[in-house]
Protein backbone atom coordinates (compact mmCIF):
# COMPACT_ATOMS: atom_id res chain seq x y z
CA UNK A 1 -73.85 -79.80 58.39
CA UNK A 2 -76.05 -78.11 55.83
CA UNK A 3 -77.18 -75.57 58.43
CA UNK A 4 -73.55 -74.55 59.03
CA UNK A 5 -72.96 -74.01 55.31
CA UNK A 6 -76.09 -71.89 55.04
CA UNK A 7 -75.09 -69.87 58.11
CA UNK A 8 -71.61 -69.19 56.68
CA UNK A 9 -73.06 -68.12 53.32
CA UNK A 10 -75.53 -65.87 55.11
CA UNK A 11 -72.70 -64.18 57.05
CA UNK A 12 -70.68 -63.67 53.87
CA UNK A 13 -73.63 -62.02 52.18
CA UNK A 14 -74.33 -59.71 55.09
CA UNK A 15 -70.64 -58.78 55.34
CA UNK A 16 -70.58 -57.90 51.64
CA UNK A 17 -73.64 -55.68 52.09
CA UNK A 18 -72.03 -53.96 55.08
CA UNK A 19 -68.87 -53.28 53.09
CA UNK A 20 -70.94 -51.89 50.23
CA UNK A 21 -72.77 -49.53 52.58
CA UNK A 22 -69.54 -48.35 54.19
CA UNK A 23 -67.88 -47.75 50.83
CA UNK A 24 -70.90 -45.81 49.58
CA UNK A 25 -70.85 -43.58 52.67
CA UNK A 26 -67.12 -42.97 52.25
CA UNK A 27 -67.58 -42.07 48.59
CA UNK A 28 -70.41 -39.66 49.42
CA UNK A 29 -68.22 -37.99 52.04
CA UNK A 30 -65.32 -37.78 49.58
CA UNK A 31 -67.52 -36.05 47.01
CA UNK A 32 -69.30 -33.58 49.30
CA UNK A 33 -66.46 -32.51 51.60
CA UNK A 34 -64.44 -30.51 49.04
CA UNK A 35 -67.59 -28.68 47.99
CA UNK A 36 -68.39 -27.70 51.56
CA UNK A 37 -64.86 -26.64 52.40
CA UNK A 38 -64.03 -25.10 49.03
CA UNK A 39 -65.11 -21.54 49.79
CA UNK A 40 -63.43 -21.49 53.18
CA UNK A 41 -60.16 -22.80 51.74
CA UNK A 42 -60.29 -20.28 48.92
CA UNK A 43 -60.73 -17.40 51.35
CA UNK A 44 -57.89 -18.67 53.51
CA UNK A 45 -55.50 -18.94 50.55
CA UNK A 46 -56.50 -15.46 49.37
CA UNK A 47 -55.68 -14.07 52.81
CA UNK A 48 -52.28 -15.80 52.78
CA UNK A 49 -51.61 -14.52 49.27
CA UNK A 50 -52.55 -10.97 50.29
CA UNK A 51 -50.17 -11.19 53.26
CA UNK A 52 -47.24 -12.05 50.98
CA UNK A 53 -47.91 -9.52 48.22
CA UNK A 54 -46.39 -6.07 48.76
């Protein structure tokens, strides 16, 4: 019985670590993506703006 309790606690701990790793990767992607795409988006919006201005 004690072995089952220890196994369940071990799984909960590993699941929490996995969720922490996934959330850290998502947050890193959320921070770096706008920086990488910022220049390209700016150029695209400038081209659209230039197309609409007389």
